[in-house]
């Protein structure tokens, strides 16, 4: 007898009712193998991250209780100095700490060059 088929029609109906398949003709959705713990945690993390406002208030923008942009505006910093502050304050909370410090350094050097010309 093929796998998933029993001789008892009541069991077959229950299986069919609970089973899902991706085929449009049956209208069911296929259920795959059970998730591993890592897959489940990844799903939870994805749902949690989507609940945060990643456009207007990403978590790494608000570390320390104040958004970096608010600090930059409160100090009335120009573009280059604002970028320096931005890259330094967010560096620890992103993927590449050293790269962000180099970006901050680039903007700081640019500001120093511009002010040296005056």
PDB file of N, CA and C in Angstrom:
ATOM      1  N   UNK A   1       0.846  -1.179   0.000  1.00  0.00           N
ATOM      2  CA  UNK A   1       0.000   0.000   0.000  1.00  0.00           C
ATOM      3  C   UNK A   1       0.897   1.250   0.000  1.00  0.00           C
ATOM      4  N   UNK A   2       0.585   2.299  -0.804  1.00  0.00           N
ATOM      5  CA  UNK A   2       1.399   3.514  -0.855  1.00  0.00           C
ATOM      6  C   UNK A   2       1.444   4.214   0.503  1.00  0.00           C
ATOM      7  N   UNK A   3       2.556   4.903   0.725  1.00  0.00           N
ATOM      8  CA  UNK A   3       2.747   5.632   1.977  1.00  0.00           C
ATOM      9  C   UNK A   3       1.662   6.699   2.135  1.00  0.00           C
ATOM     10  N   UNK A   4       1.115   6.812   3.349  1.00  0.00           N
ATOM     11  CA  UNK A   4       0.099   7.819   3.619  1.00  0.00           C
ATOM     12  C   UNK A   4      -1.307   7.363   3.320  1.00  0.00           C
ATOM     13  N   UNK A   5      -1.494   6.172   2.821  1.00  0.00           N
ATOM     14  CA  UNK A   5      -2.827   5.648   2.522  1.00  0.00           C
ATOM     15  C   UNK A   5      -3.080   4.476   3.466  1.00  0.00           C
ATOM     16  N   UNK A   6      -4.209   4.477   4.097  1.00  0.00           N
ATOM     17  CA  UNK A   6      -4.551   3.354   4.962  1.00  0.00           C
ATOM     18  C   UNK A   6      -5.759   2.647   4.391  1.00  0.00           C
ATOM     19  N   UNK A   7      -6.098   1.560   4.989  1.00  0.00           N
ATOM     20  CA  UNK A   7      -7.287   0.834   4.541  1.00  0.00           C
ATOM     21  C   UNK A   7      -8.545   1.426   5.147  1.00  0.00           C
ATOM     22  N   UNK A   8      -8.390   2.257   6.144  1.00  0.00           N
ATOM     23  CA  UNK A   8      -9.544   2.835   6.812  1.00  0.00           C
ATOM     24  C   UNK A   8      -9.895   4.166   6.154  1.00  0.00           C
ATOM     25  N   UNK A   9     -11.058   4.289   5.506  1.00  0.00           N
ATOM     26  CA  UNK A   9     -11.413   5.530   4.796  1.00  0.00           C
ATOM     27  C   UNK A   9     -11.537   6.736   5.731  1.00  0.00           C
ATOM     28  N   UNK A  10     -11.925   6.515   7.012  1.00  0.00           N
ATOM     29  CA  UNK A  10     -12.045   7.634   7.948  1.00  0.00           C
ATOM     30  C   UNK A  10     -10.670   8.257   8.206  1.00  0.00           C
ATOM     31  N   UNK A  11      -9.644   7.418   8.350  1.00  0.00           N
ATOM     32  CA  UNK A  11      -8.288   7.928   8.560  1.00  0.00           C
ATOM     33  C   UNK A  11      -7.820   8.668   7.319  1.00  0.00           C
ATOM     34  N   UNK A  12      -8.108   8.097   6.147  1.00  0.00           N
ATOM     35  CA  UNK A  12      -7.722   8.759   4.898  1.00  0.00           C
ATOM     36  C   UNK A  12      -8.361  10.142   4.781  1.00  0.00           C
ATOM     37  N   UNK A  13      -9.641  10.266   5.167  1.00  0.00           N
ATOM     38  CA  UNK A  13     -10.319  11.570   5.097  1.00  0.00           C
ATOM     39  C   UNK A  13      -9.661  12.575   6.052  1.00  0.00           C
ATOM     40  N   UNK A  14      -9.301  12.112   7.263  1.00  0.00           N
ATOM     41  CA  UNK A  14      -8.638  13.004   8.213  1.00  0.00           C
ATOM     42  C   UNK A  14      -7.288  13.450   7.679  1.00  0.00           C
ATOM     43  N   UNK A  15      -6.555  12.532   7.114  1.00  0.00           N
ATOM     44  CA  UNK A  15      -5.251  12.895   6.551  1.00  0.00           C
ATOM     45  C   UNK A  15      -5.416  13.900   5.422  1.00  0.00           C
ATOM     46  N   UNK A  16      -6.409  13.645   4.564  1.00  0.00           N
ATOM     47  CA  UNK A  16      -6.632  14.549   3.446  1.00  0.00           C
ATOM     48  C   UNK A  16      -7.056  15.924   3.951  1.00  0.00           C
ATOM     49  N   UNK A  17      -7.873  15.928   5.015  1.00  0.00           N
ATOM     50  CA  UNK A  17      -8.336  17.193   5.570  1.00  0.00           C
ATOM     51  C   UNK A  17      -7.176  17.982   6.176  1.00  0.00           C
ATOM     52  N   UNK A  18      -6.256  17.305   6.848  1.00  0.00           N
ATOM     53  CA  UNK A  18      -5.138  17.970   7.507  1.00  0.00           C
ATOM     54  C   UNK A  18      -3.945  18.186   6.585  1.00  0.00           C
ATOM     55  N   UNK A  19      -3.879  17.418   5.517  1.00  0.00           N
ATOM     56  CA  UNK A  19      -2.759  17.535   4.594  1.00  0.00           C
ATOM     57  C   UNK A  19      -2.946  18.758   3.718  1.00  0.00           C
ATOM     58  N   UNK A  20      -1.835  19.324   3.330  1.00  0.00           N
ATOM     59  CA  UNK A  20      -1.911  20.457   2.418  1.00  0.00           C
ATOM     60  C   UNK A  20      -0.961  20.239   1.260  1.00  0.00           C
ATOM     61  N   UNK A  21      -1.277  20.811   0.147  1.00  0.00           N
ATOM     62  CA  UNK A  21      -0.483  20.644  -1.064  1.00  0.00           C
ATOM     63  C   UNK A  21      -0.504  21.953  -1.830  1.00  0.00           C
ATOM     64  N   UNK A  22       0.539  22.240  -2.590  1.00  0.00           N
ATOM     65  CA  UNK A  22       0.616  23.508  -3.315  1.00  0.00           C
ATOM     66  C   UNK A  22      -0.157  23.492  -4.630  1.00  0.00           C
ATOM     67  N   UNK A  23      -0.728  22.384  -4.982  1.00  0.00           N
ATOM     68  CA  UNK A  23      -1.420  22.328  -6.267  1.00  0.00           C
ATOM     69  C   UNK A  23      -2.699  23.149  -6.220  1.00  0.00           C
ATOM     70  N   UNK A  24      -2.938  23.882  -7.288  1.00  0.00           N
ATOM     71  CA  UNK A  24      -4.114  24.743  -7.350  1.00  0.00           C
ATOM     72  C   UNK A  24      -5.398  23.934  -7.416  1.00  0.00           C
ATOM     73  N   UNK A  25      -5.327  22.743  -7.963  1.00  0.00           N
ATOM     74  CA  UNK A  25      -6.547  21.955  -8.130  1.00  0.00           C
ATOM     75  C   UNK A  25      -7.117  21.491  -6.800  1.00  0.00           C
ATOM     76  N   UNK A  26      -6.261  21.217  -5.822  1.00  0.00           N
ATOM     77  CA  UNK A  26      -6.756  20.761  -4.524  1.00  0.00           C
ATOM     78  C   UNK A  26      -7.001  21.910  -3.564  1.00  0.00           C
ATOM     79  N   UNK A  27      -6.309  23.019  -3.772  1.00  0.00           N
ATOM     80  CA  UNK A  27      -6.466  24.149  -2.872  1.00  0.00           C
ATOM     81  C   UNK A  27      -5.724  23.985  -1.559  1.00  0.00           C
ATOM     82  N   UNK A  28      -4.862  22.989  -1.457  1.00  0.00           N
ATOM     83  CA  UNK A  28      -4.105  22.757  -0.230  1.00  0.00           C
ATOM     84  C   UNK A  28      -2.700  23.350  -0.346  1.00  0.00           C
ATOM     85  N   UNK A  29      -2.041  23.546   0.788  1.00  0.00           N
ATOM     86  CA  UNK A  29      -0.667  24.035   0.852  1.00  0.00           C
ATOM     87  C   UNK A  29       0.195  22.921   1.405  1.00  0.00           C
ATOM     88  N   UNK A  30       1.327  22.668   0.777  1.00  0.00           N
ATOM     89  CA  UNK A  30       2.214  21.578   1.201  1.00  0.00           C
ATOM     90  C   UNK A  30       2.868  21.896   2.541  1.00  0.00           C
ATOM     91  N   UNK A  31       2.833  20.954   3.451  1.00  0.00           N
ATOM     92  CA  UNK A  31       3.530  21.078   4.724  1.00  0.00           C
ATOM     93  C   UNK A  31       4.794  20.260   4.615  1.00  0.00           C
ATOM     94  N   UNK A  32       5.937  20.921   4.831  1.00  0.00           N
ATOM     95  CA  UNK A  32       7.218  20.244   4.706  1.00  0.00           C
ATOM     96  C   UNK A  32       7.629  19.584   6.008  1.00  0.00           C
ATOM     97  N   UNK A  33       8.876  19.202   6.084  1.00  0.00           N
ATOM     98  CA  UNK A  33       9.383  18.589   7.308  1.00  0.00           C
ATOM     99  C   UNK A  33       9.368  19.610   8.443  1.00  0.00           C
ATOM    100  N   UNK A  34       9.404  19.139   9.690  1.00  0.00           N
ATOM    101  CA  UNK A  34       9.391  20.072  10.820  1.00  0.00           C
ATOM    102  C   UNK A  34      10.605  20.998  10.776  1.00  0.00           C
ATOM    103  N   UNK A  35      10.435  22.209  11.315  1.00  0.00           N
ATOM    104  CA  UNK A  35      11.526  23.184  11.362  1.00  0.00           C
ATOM    105  C   UNK A  35      12.560  22.775  12.400  1.00  0.00           C
ATOM    106  N   UNK A  36      13.796  23.138  12.120  1.00  0.00           N
ATOM    107  CA  UNK A  36      14.837  22.985  13.136  1.00  0.00           C
ATOM    108  C   UNK A  36      14.714  24.168  14.095  1.00  0.00           C
ATOM    109  N   UNK A  37      15.379  24.092  15.217  1.00  0.00           N
ATOM    110  CA  UNK A  37      15.353  25.185  16.180  1.00  0.00           C
ATOM    111  C   UNK A  37      15.901  26.460  15.547  1.00  0.00           C
ATOM    112  N   UNK A  38      16.989  26.345  14.773  1.00  0.00           N
ATOM    113  CA  UNK A  38      17.586  27.524  14.139  1.00  0.00           C
ATOM    114  C   UNK A  38      16.633  28.165  13.141  1.00  0.00           C
ATOM    115  N   UNK A  39      15.919  27.335  12.379  1.00  0.00           N
ATOM    116  CA  UNK A  39      14.957  27.879  11.426  1.00  0.00           C
ATOM    117  C   UNK A  39      13.829  28.605  12.149  1.00  0.00           C
ATOM    118  N   UNK A  40      13.369  28.030  13.250  1.00  0.00           N
ATOM    119  CA  UNK A  40      12.308  28.662  14.027  1.00  0.00           C
ATOM    120  C   UNK A  40      12.778  29.997  14.601  1.00  0.00           C
ATOM    121  N   UNK A  41      14.004  30.029  15.128  1.00  0.00           N
ATOM    122  CA  UNK A  41      14.532  31.272  15.690  1.00  0.00           C
ATOM    123  C   UNK A  41      14.711  32.329  14.602  1.00  0.00           C
ATOM    124  N   UNK A  42      15.130  31.893  13.408  1.00  0.00           N
ATOM    125  CA  UNK A  42      15.272  32.830  12.291  1.00  0.00           C
ATOM    126  C   UNK A  42      13.912  33.431  11.944  1.00  0.00           C
ATOM    127  N   UNK A  43      12.867  32.616  11.942  1.00  0.00           N
ATOM    128  CA  UNK A  43      11.523  33.103  11.653  1.00  0.00           C
ATOM    129  C   UNK A  43      11.059  34.098  12.698  1.00  0.00           C
ATOM    130  N   UNK A  44      11.320  33.800  13.966  1.00  0.00           N
ATOM    131  CA  UNK A  44      10.943  34.705  15.049  1.00  0.00           C
ATOM    132  C   UNK A  44      11.689  36.024  14.914  1.00  0.00           C
ATOM    133  N   UNK A  45      12.983  35.951  14.626  1.00  0.00           N
ATOM    134  CA  UNK A  45      13.791  37.159  14.456  1.00  0.00           C
ATOM    135  C   UNK A  45      13.267  37.995  13.293  1.00  0.00           C
ATOM    136  N   UNK A  46      12.931  37.337  12.191  1.00  0.00           N
ATOM    137  CA  UNK A  46      12.410  38.054  11.029  1.00  0.00           C
ATOM    138  C   UNK A  46      11.102  38.756  11.370  1.00  0.00           C
ATOM    139  N   UNK A  47      10.225  38.084  12.101  1.00  0.00           N
ATOM    140  CA  UNK A  47       8.956  38.700  12.491  1.00  0.00           C
ATOM    141  C   UNK A  47       9.185  39.861  13.443  1.00  0.00           C
ATOM    142  N   UNK A  48      10.097  39.690  14.379  1.00  0.00           N
ATOM    143  CA  UNK A  48      10.403  40.752  15.341  1.00  0.00           C
ATOM    144  C   UNK A  48      10.983  41.962  14.625  1.00  0.00           C
ATOM    145  N   UNK A  49      11.910  41.720  13.701  1.00  0.00           N
ATOM    146  CA  UNK A  49      12.531  42.826  12.972  1.00  0.00           C
ATOM    147  C   UNK A  49      11.530  43.548  12.096  1.00  0.00           C
ATOM    148  N   UNK A  50      10.586  42.814  11.508  1.00  0.00           N
ATOM    149  CA  UNK A  50       9.607  43.469  10.651  1.00  0.00           C
ATOM    150  C   UNK A  50       8.640  44.311  11.473  1.00  0.00           C
ATOM    151  N   UNK A  51       8.524  44.021  12.782  1.00  0.00           N
ATOM    152  CA  UNK A  51       7.644  44.803  13.638  1.00  0.00           C
ATOM    153  C   UNK A  51       8.266  46.151  13.976  1.00  0.00           C
ATOM    154  N   UNK A  52       9.596  46.294  13.854  1.00  0.00           N
ATOM    155  CA  UNK A  52      10.231  47.571  14.120  1.00  0.00           C
ATOM    156  C   UNK A  52      10.161  48.430  12.863  1.00  0.00           C
ATOM    157  N   UNK A  53      10.259  49.715  13.047  1.00  0.00           N
ATOM    158  CA  UNK A  53      10.208  50.637  11.912  1.00  0.00           C
ATOM    159  C   UNK A  53      11.613  50.805  11.365  1.00  0.00           C
ATOM    160  N   UNK A  54      11.992  49.961  10.417  1.00  0.00           N
ATOM    161  CA  UNK A  54      13.363  49.954   9.913  1.00  0.00           C
ATOM    162  C   UNK A  54      13.669  51.124   8.985  1.00  0.00           C
ATOM    163  N   UNK A  55      12.666  51.898   8.620  1.00  0.00           N
ATOM    164  CA  UNK A  55      12.913  53.068   7.777  1.00  0.00           C
ATOM    165  C   UNK A  55      13.117  54.317   8.629  1.00  0.00           C
ATOM    166  N   UNK A  56      12.188  54.572   9.527  1.00  0.00           N
ATOM    167  CA  UNK A  56      12.240  55.809  10.308  1.00  0.00           C
ATOM    168  C   UNK A  56      12.989  55.694  11.629  1.00  0.00           C
ATOM    169  N   UNK A  57      12.956  54.536  12.256  1.00  0.00           N
ATOM    170  CA  UNK A  57      13.583  54.384  13.574  1.00  0.00           C
ATOM    171  C   UNK A  57      14.240  53.018  13.731  1.00  0.00           C
ATOM    172  N   UNK A  58      15.243  52.693  12.913  1.00  0.00           N
ATOM    173  CA  UNK A  58      15.922  51.410  13.091  1.00  0.00           C
ATOM    174  C   UNK A  58      16.570  51.328  14.465  1.00  0.00           C
ATOM    175  N   UNK A  59      16.691  50.133  15.018  1.00  0.00           N
ATOM    176  CA  UNK A  59      17.245  49.988  16.371  1.00  0.00           C
ATOM    177  C   UNK A  59      18.634  50.620  16.538  1.00  0.00           C
ATOM    178  N   UNK A  60      19.504  50.508  15.510  1.00  0.00           N
ATOM    179  CA  UNK A  60      20.849  51.065  15.672  1.00  0.00           C
ATOM    180  C   UNK A  60      20.867  52.591  15.574  1.00  0.00           C
ATOM    181  N   UNK A  61      19.739  53.217  15.234  1.00  0.00           N
ATOM    182  CA  UNK A  61      19.669  54.678  15.222  1.00  0.00           C
ATOM    183  C   UNK A  61      19.407  55.234  16.618  1.00  0.00           C
ATOM    184  N   UNK A  62      18.782  54.461  17.472  1.00  0.00           N
ATOM    185  CA  UNK A  62      18.314  54.989  18.748  1.00  0.00           C
ATOM    186  C   UNK A  62      19.091  54.483  19.956  1.00  0.00           C
ATOM    187  N   UNK A  63      20.232  53.862  19.746  1.00  0.00           N
ATOM    188  CA  UNK A  63      21.039  53.384  20.863  1.00  0.00           C
ATOM    189  C   UNK A  63      21.467  54.574  21.704  1.00  0.00           C
ATOM    190  N   UNK A  64      21.320  54.458  22.999  1.00  0.00           N
ATOM    191  CA  UNK A  64      21.678  55.550  23.901  1.00  0.00           C
ATOM    192  C   UNK A  64      20.513  56.480  24.192  1.00  0.00           C
ATOM    193  N   UNK A  65      19.345  56.175  23.656  1.00  0.00           N
ATOM    194  CA  UNK A  65      18.150  56.942  23.983  1.00  0.00           C
ATOM    195  C   UNK A  65      17.907  58.166  23.122  1.00  0.00           C
ATOM    196  N   UNK A  66      18.809  58.468  22.214  1.00  0.00           N
ATOM    197  CA  UNK A  66      18.611  59.616  21.319  1.00  0.00           C
ATOM    198  C   UNK A  66      19.019  59.200  19.916  1.00  0.00           C
ATOM    199  N   UNK A  67      18.251  59.638  18.961  1.00  0.00           N
ATOM    200  CA  UNK A  67      18.624  59.326  17.581  1.00  0.00           C
ATOM    201  C   UNK A  67      19.788  60.216  17.173  1.00  0.00           C
ATOM    202  N   UNK A  68      20.665  59.646  16.375  1.00  0.00           N
ATOM    203  CA  UNK A  68      21.853  60.369  15.921  1.00  0.00           C
ATOM    204  C   UNK A  68      21.472  61.659  15.205  1.00  0.00           C
ATOM    205  N   UNK A  69      20.448  61.606  14.376  1.00  0.00           N
ATOM    206  CA  UNK A  69      20.037  62.799  13.626  1.00  0.00           C
ATOM    207  C   UNK A  69      19.619  63.919  14.571  1.00  0.00           C
ATOM    208  N   UNK A  70      18.966  63.567  15.681  1.00  0.00           N
ATOM    209  CA  UNK A  70      18.552  64.589  16.652  1.00  0.00           C
ATOM    210  C   UNK A  70      19.766  65.263  17.282  1.00  0.00           C
ATOM    211  N   UNK A  71      20.793  64.465  17.596  1.00  0.00           N
ATOM    212  CA  UNK A  71      22.026  65.032  18.158  1.00  0.00           C
ATOM    213  C   UNK A  71      22.702  65.952  17.145  1.00  0.00           C
ATOM    214  N   UNK A  72      22.814  65.492  15.891  1.00  0.00           N
ATOM    215  CA  UNK A  72      23.470  66.281  14.839  1.00  0.00           C
ATOM    216  C   UNK A  72      22.745  67.610  14.652  1.00  0.00           C
ATOM    217  N   UNK A  73      21.411  67.567  14.616  1.00  0.00           N
ATOM    218  CA  UNK A  73      20.638  68.796  14.437  1.00  0.00           C
ATOM    219  C   UNK A  73      20.735  69.702  15.662  1.00  0.00           C
ATOM    220  N   UNK A  74      20.731  69.108  16.870  1.00  0.00           N
ATOM    221  CA  UNK A  74      20.831  69.911  18.094  1.00  0.00           C
ATOM    222  C   UNK A  74      22.157  70.655  18.154  1.00  0.00           C
ATOM    223  N   UNK A  75      23.219  70.052  17.645  1.00  0.00           N
ATOM    224  CA  UNK A  75      24.543  70.676  17.638  1.00  0.00           C
ATOM    225  C   UNK A  75      24.769  71.522  16.390  1.00  0.00           C
ATOM    226  N   UNK A  76      23.807  71.516  15.485  1.00  0.00           N
ATOM    227  CA  UNK A  76      23.865  72.303  14.256  1.00  0.00           C
ATOM    228  C   UNK A  76      25.127  71.992  13.445  1.00  0.00           C
ATOM    229  N   UNK A  77      25.431  70.711  13.293  1.00  0.00           N
ATOM    230  CA  UNK A  77      26.625  70.288  12.561  1.00  0.00           C
ATOM    231  C   UNK A  77      26.370  70.284  11.063  1.00  0.00           C
ATOM    232  N   UNK A  78      27.411  70.583  10.302  1.00  0.00           N
ATOM    233  CA  UNK A  78      27.282  70.542   8.848  1.00  0.00           C
ATOM    234  C   UNK A  78      27.285  69.079   8.362  1.00  0.00           C
ATOM    235  N   UNK A  79      27.170  68.919   7.052  1.00  0.00           N
ATOM    236  CA  UNK A  79      27.037  67.581   6.474  1.00  0.00           C
ATOM    237  C   UNK A  79      28.205  66.668   6.838  1.00  0.00           C
ATOM    238  N   UNK A  80      29.427  67.120   6.613  1.00  0.00           N
ATOM    239  CA  UNK A  80      30.592  66.271   6.849  1.00  0.00           C
ATOM    240  C   UNK A  80      30.713  65.848   8.314  1.00  0.00           C
ATOM    241  N   UNK A  81      30.564  66.815   9.218  1.00  0.00           N
ATOM    242  CA  UNK A  81      30.668  66.485  10.641  1.00  0.00           C
ATOM    243  C   UNK A  81      29.496  65.606  11.093  1.00  0.00           C
ATOM    244  N   UNK A  82      28.340  65.834  10.496  1.00  0.00           N
ATOM    245  CA  UNK A  82      27.185  64.982  10.795  1.00  0.00           C
ATOM    246  C   UNK A  82      27.446  63.536  10.381  1.00  0.00           C
ATOM    247  N   UNK A  83      28.080  63.367   9.220  1.00  0.00           N
ATOM    248  CA  UNK A  83      28.424  62.014   8.764  1.00  0.00           C
ATOM    249  C   UNK A  83      29.433  61.350   9.698  1.00  0.00           C
ATOM    250  N   UNK A  84      30.393  62.129  10.189  1.00  0.00           N
ATOM    251  CA  UNK A  84      31.380  61.596  11.136  1.00  0.00           C
ATOM    252  C   UNK A  84      30.657  61.055  12.365  1.00  0.00           C
ATOM    253  N   UNK A  85      29.783  61.858  12.931  1.00  0.00           N
ATOM    254  CA  UNK A  85      29.025  61.444  14.127  1.00  0.00           C
ATOM    255  C   UNK A  85      28.181  60.215  13.807  1.00  0.00           C
ATOM    256  N   UNK A  86      27.520  60.239  12.670  1.00  0.00           N
ATOM    257  CA  UNK A  86      26.653  59.113  12.281  1.00  0.00           C
ATOM    258  C   UNK A  86      27.439  57.815  12.217  1.00  0.00           C
ATOM    259  N   UNK A  87      28.551  57.816  11.500  1.00  0.00           N
ATOM    260  CA  UNK A  87      29.309  56.576  11.337  1.00  0.00           C
ATOM    261  C   UNK A  87      29.931  56.097  12.646  1.00  0.00           C
ATOM    262  N   UNK A  88      30.379  57.020  13.474  1.00  0.00           N
ATOM    263  CA  UNK A  88      30.978  56.614  14.750  1.00  0.00           C
ATOM    264  C   UNK A  88      29.928  56.032  15.688  1.00  0.00           C
ATOM    265  N   UNK A  89      28.793  56.696  15.799  1.00  0.00           N
ATOM    266  CA  UNK A  89      27.785  56.235  16.763  1.00  0.00           C
ATOM    267  C   UNK A  89      27.109  54.935  16.350  1.00  0.00           C
ATOM    268  N   UNK A  90      27.058  54.653  15.073  1.00  0.00           N
ATOM    269  CA  UNK A  90      26.375  53.435  14.616  1.00  0.00           C
ATOM    270  C   UNK A  90      27.324  52.274  14.343  1.00  0.00           C
ATOM    271  N   UNK A  91      28.617  52.529  14.344  1.00  0.00           N
ATOM    272  CA  UNK A  91      29.597  51.515  13.931  1.00  0.00           C
ATOM    273  C   UNK A  91      29.498  50.228  14.732  1.00  0.00           C
ATOM    274  N   UNK A  92      29.343  50.321  16.020  1.00  0.00           N
ATOM    275  CA  UNK A  92      29.292  49.126  16.871  1.00  0.00           C
ATOM    276  C   UNK A  92      28.054  48.280  16.619  1.00  0.00           C
ATOM    277  N   UNK A  93      27.040  48.867  16.070  1.00  0.00           N
ATOM    278  CA  UNK A  93      25.752  48.197  15.945  1.00  0.00           C
ATOM    279  C   UNK A  93      25.465  47.722  14.524  1.00  0.00           C
ATOM    280  N   UNK A  94      26.465  47.781  13.685  1.00  0.00           N
ATOM    281  CA  UNK A  94      26.315  47.313  12.313  1.00  0.00           C
ATOM    282  C   UNK A  94      27.338  46.213  12.060  1.00  0.00           C
ATOM    283  N   UNK A  95      27.416  45.766  10.835  1.00  0.00           N
ATOM    284  CA  UNK A  95      28.237  44.590  10.510  1.00  0.00           C
ATOM    285  C   UNK A  95      29.742  44.830  10.504  1.00  0.00           C
ATOM    286  N   UNK A  96      30.189  45.995  10.063  1.00  0.00           N
ATOM    287  CA  UNK A  96      31.618  46.188   9.882  1.00  0.00           C
ATOM    288  C   UNK A  96      32.104  47.436  10.616  1.00  0.00           C
ATOM    289  N   UNK A  97      32.535  47.246  11.848  1.00  0.00           N
ATOM    290  CA  UNK A  97      32.969  48.342  12.719  1.00  0.00           C
ATOM    291  C   UNK A  97      34.104  49.143  12.086  1.00  0.00           C
ATOM    292  N   UNK A  98      35.148  48.457  11.640  1.00  0.00           N
ATOM    293  CA  UNK A  98      36.318  49.126  11.086  1.00  0.00           C
ATOM    294  C   UNK A  98      35.965  49.916   9.824  1.00  0.00           C
ATOM    295  N   UNK A  99      35.112  49.362   8.988  1.00  0.00           N
ATOM    296  CA  UNK A  99      34.711  50.061   7.770  1.00  0.00           C
ATOM    297  C   UNK A  99      33.987  51.369   8.104  1.00  0.00           C
ATOM    298  N   UNK A 100      33.119  51.342   9.102  1.00  0.00           N
ATOM    299  CA  UNK A 100      32.412  52.558   9.482  1.00  0.00           C
ATOM    300  C   UNK A 100      33.354  53.598  10.079  1.00  0.00           C
ATOM    301  N   UNK A 101      34.352  53.153  10.824  1.00  0.00           N
ATOM    302  CA  UNK A 101      35.337  54.106  11.349  1.00  0.00           C
ATOM    303  C   UNK A 101      36.142  54.736  10.215  1.00  0.00           C
ATOM    304  N   UNK A 102      36.454  53.964   9.194  1.00  0.00           N
ATOM    305  CA  UNK A 102      37.175  54.507   8.033  1.00  0.00           C
ATOM    306  C   UNK A 102      36.310  55.516   7.278  1.00  0.00           C
ATOM    307  N   UNK A 103      35.009  55.236   7.187  1.00  0.00           N
ATOM    308  CA  UNK A 103      34.104  56.191   6.547  1.00  0.00           C
ATOM    309  C   UNK A 103      34.057  57.486   7.341  1.00  0.00           C
ATOM    310  N   UNK A 104      33.981  57.382   8.665  1.00  0.00           N
ATOM    311  CA  UNK A 104      33.982  58.571   9.521  1.00  0.00           C
ATOM    312  C   UNK A 104      35.276  59.357   9.326  1.00  0.00           C
ATOM    313  N   UNK A 105      36.374  58.632   9.253  1.00  0.00           N
ATOM    314  CA  UNK A 105      37.683  59.275   9.049  1.00  0.00           C
ATOM    315  C   UNK A 105      37.719  60.001   7.709  1.00  0.00           C
ATOM    316  N   UNK A 106      37.148  59.397   6.671  1.00  0.00           N
ATOM    317  CA  UNK A 106      37.122  60.015   5.347  1.00  0.00           C
ATOM    318  C   UNK A 106      36.382  61.350   5.398  1.00  0.00           C
ATOM    319  N   UNK A 107      35.213  61.341   6.056  1.00  0.00           N
ATOM    320  CA  UNK A 107      34.439  62.585   6.152  1.00  0.00           C
ATOM    321  C   UNK A 107      35.158  63.627   7.016  1.00  0.00           C
ATOM    322  N   UNK A 108      35.818  63.188   8.071  1.00  0.00           N
ATOM    323  CA  UNK A 108      36.560  64.121   8.911  1.00  0.00           C
ATOM    324  C   UNK A 108      37.729  64.738   8.129  1.00  0.00           C
ATOM    325  N   UNK A 109      38.454  63.918   7.391  1.00  0.00           N
ATOM    326  CA  UNK A 109      39.546  64.429   6.543  1.00  0.00           C
ATOM    327  C   UNK A 109      39.017  65.420   5.514  1.00  0.00           C
ATOM    328  N   UNK A 110      37.888  65.135   4.950  1.00  0.00           N
ATOM    329  CA  UNK A 110      37.273  66.023   3.958  1.00  0.00           C
ATOM    330  C   UNK A 110      36.940  67.378   4.592  1.00  0.00           C
ATOM    331  N   UNK A 111      36.381  67.338   5.810  1.00  0.00           N
ATOM    332  CA  UNK A 111      36.055  68.578   6.524  1.00  0.00           C
ATOM    333  C   UNK A 111      37.316  69.367   6.840  1.00  0.00           C
ATOM    334  N   UNK A 112      38.363  68.680   7.256  1.00  0.00           N
ATOM    335  CA  UNK A 112      39.645  69.349   7.566  1.00  0.00           C
ATOM    336  C   UNK A 112      40.217  69.996   6.312  1.00  0.00           C
ATOM    337  N   UNK A 113      40.173  69.279   5.181  1.00  0.00           N
ATOM    338  CA  UNK A 113      40.663  69.841   3.906  1.00  0.00           C
ATOM    339  C   UNK A 113      39.878  71.088   3.526  1.00  0.00           C
ATOM    340  N   UNK A 114      38.547  71.006   3.620  1.00  0.00           N
ATOM    341  CA  UNK A 114      37.707  72.145   3.252  1.00  0.00           C
ATOM    342  C   UNK A 114      37.997  73.356   4.134  1.00  0.00           C
ATOM    343  N   UNK A 115      38.196  73.137   5.422  1.00  0.00           N
ATOM    344  CA  UNK A 115      38.453  74.262   6.337  1.00  0.00           C
ATOM    345  C   UNK A 115      39.874  74.798   6.188  1.00  0.00           C
ATOM    346  N   UNK A 116      40.788  73.949   5.706  1.00  0.00           N
ATOM    347  CA  UNK A 116      42.174  74.395   5.477  1.00  0.00           C
ATOM    348  C   UNK A 116      42.259  75.346   4.305  1.00  0.00           C
ATOM    349  N   UNK A 117      41.330  75.247   3.360  1.00  0.00           N
ATOM    350  CA  UNK A 117      41.318  76.093   2.168  1.00  0.00           C
ATOM    351  C   UNK A 117      40.846  77.508   2.487  1.00  0.00           C
ATOM    352  N   UNK A 118      40.164  77.677   3.587  1.00  0.00           N
ATOM    353  CA  UNK A 118      39.560  78.991   3.915  1.00  0.00           C
ATOM    354  C   UNK A 118      40.614  79.948   4.426  1.00  0.00           C
TER     355      UNK A 118
END
